[in-house]
C-alpha atoms as a PDB file:
ATOM      1  CA  MET A   1       3.811   8.712  25.701  1.00  0.00           C
ATOM      2  CA  MET A   2       5.159   9.734  22.304  1.00  0.00           C
ATOM      3  CA  PRO A   3       8.824   8.940  21.366  1.00  0.00           C
ATOM      4  CA  SER A   4      11.159  11.875  20.940  1.00  0.00           C
ATOM      5  CA  TRP A   5      13.033  12.566  17.567  1.00  0.00           C
ATOM      6  CA  PRO A   6      16.248  10.965  18.683  1.00  0.00           C
ATOM      7  CA  GLN A   7      14.326   7.745  19.600  1.00  0.00           C
ATOM      8  CA  ILE A   8      12.639   7.685  16.251  1.00  0.00           C
ATOM      9  CA  LEU A   9      15.977   8.142  14.356  1.00  0.00           C
ATOM     10  CA  ILE A  10      17.572   5.385  16.325  1.00  0.00           C
ATOM     11  CA  LEU A  11      14.631   3.067  15.606  1.00  0.00           C
ATOM     12  CA  ILE A  12      14.909   3.923  11.812  1.00  0.00           C
ATOM     13  CA  ALA A  13      18.612   3.256  11.926  1.00  0.00           C
ATOM     14  CA  VAL A  14      18.103  -0.105  13.674  1.00  0.00           C
ATOM     15  CA  ILE A  15      15.403  -1.149  11.087  1.00  0.00           C
ATOM     16  CA  VAL A  16      17.685  -0.187   8.226  1.00  0.00           C
ATOM     17  CA  ILE A  17      20.507  -2.177   9.760  1.00  0.00           C
ATOM     18  CA  LEU A  18      18.329  -5.188  10.247  1.00  0.00           C
ATOM     19  CA  PHE A  19      16.624  -5.333   6.861  1.00  0.00           C
ATOM     20  CA  GLY A  20      18.896  -3.447   4.558  1.00  0.00           C
ATOM     21  CA  THR A  21      18.014  -0.676   2.282  1.00  0.00           C
ATOM     22  CA  LYS A  22      17.347  -2.952  -0.852  1.00  0.00           C
ATOM     23  CA  ARG A  23      14.793  -5.015   1.026  1.00  0.00           C
ATOM     24  CA  LEU A  24      13.125  -2.034   2.477  1.00  0.00           C
ATOM     25  CA  ARG A  25      12.867  -0.429  -1.010  1.00  0.00           C
ATOM     26  CA  SER A  26      11.279  -3.617  -2.466  1.00  0.00           C
ATOM     27  CA  LEU A  27       8.950  -3.693   0.515  1.00  0.00           C
ATOM     28  CA  GLY A  28       7.983  -0.237  -0.008  1.00  0.00           C
ATOM     29  CA  SER A  29       7.205  -0.673  -3.752  1.00  0.00           C
ATOM     30  CA  ASP A  30       5.223  -3.864  -2.999  1.00  0.00           C
ATOM     31  CA  LEU A  31       3.243  -2.054  -0.331  1.00  0.00           C
ATOM     32  CA  GLY A  32       2.605   0.794  -2.856  1.00  0.00           C
ATOM     33  CA  ALA A  33       1.416  -1.573  -5.600  1.00  0.00           C
ATOM     34  CA  SER A  34      -0.921  -3.387  -3.101  1.00  0.00           C
ATOM     35  CA  ILE A  35      -2.527  -0.085  -2.033  1.00  0.00           C
ATOM     36  CA  LYS A  36      -2.946   0.868  -5.694  1.00  0.00           C
ATOM     37  CA  GLY A  37      -4.557  -2.424  -6.541  1.00  0.00           C
ATOM     38  CA  PHE A  38      -6.920  -2.069  -3.505  1.00  0.00           C
ATOM     39  CA  LYS A  39      -8.008   1.351  -4.521  1.00  0.00           C
ATOM     40  CA  LYS A  40      -8.636   0.301  -8.054  1.00  0.00           C
ATOM     41  CA  ALA A  41     -10.702  -2.707  -6.857  1.00  0.00           C
ATOM     42  CA  MET A  42     -12.674  -0.366  -4.526  1.00  0.00           C
ATOM     43  CA  SER A  43     -13.401   1.977  -7.472  1.00  0.00           C
ATOM     44  CA  ASP A  44     -14.386  -0.862  -9.778  1.00  0.00           C
ATOM     45  CA  ASP A  45     -16.929  -1.936  -7.153  1.00  0.00           C
ATOM     46  CA  ALA A  46     -18.357   1.524  -6.955  1.00  0.00           C
ATOM     47  CA  LEU A  47     -19.348   1.415 -10.668  1.00  0.00           C
ATOM     48  CA  PRO A  48     -22.762   0.029 -11.688  1.00  0.00           C
ATOM     49  CA  GLU A  49     -22.999  -3.697 -12.081  1.00  0.00           C
ATOM     50  CA  ASN A  50     -24.909  -3.606 -15.406  1.00  0.00           C
ATOM     51  CA  LYS A  51     -22.874  -1.691 -17.894  1.00  0.00           C
ATOM     52  CA  ASN A  52     -24.473  -3.715 -20.771  1.00  0.00           C
ATOM     53  CA  PRO A  53     -28.113  -4.099 -20.229  1.00  0.00           C
ATOM     54  CA  PRO A  54     -29.478  -7.558 -21.272  1.00  0.00           C
ATOM     55  CA  SER A  55     -30.824  -7.833 -24.825  1.00  0.00           C
ATOM     56  CA  LYS A  56     -34.514  -8.430 -25.007  1.00  0.00           C
ATOM     57  CA  GLU A  57     -35.239 -11.384 -27.245  1.00  0.00           C
END
């Protein structure tokens, strides 16, 4: 059973009252930075391991 729009708005209002807008903003920016770092790490893993072939001596 999906919550209706008024229930979602009430839930958002309660969350804002409990945590405050400043803490939610910092939480959102931290989450965004974490996702960005994760995507960067995943793309770095997709690159070939040997960028510089070993020199033959």
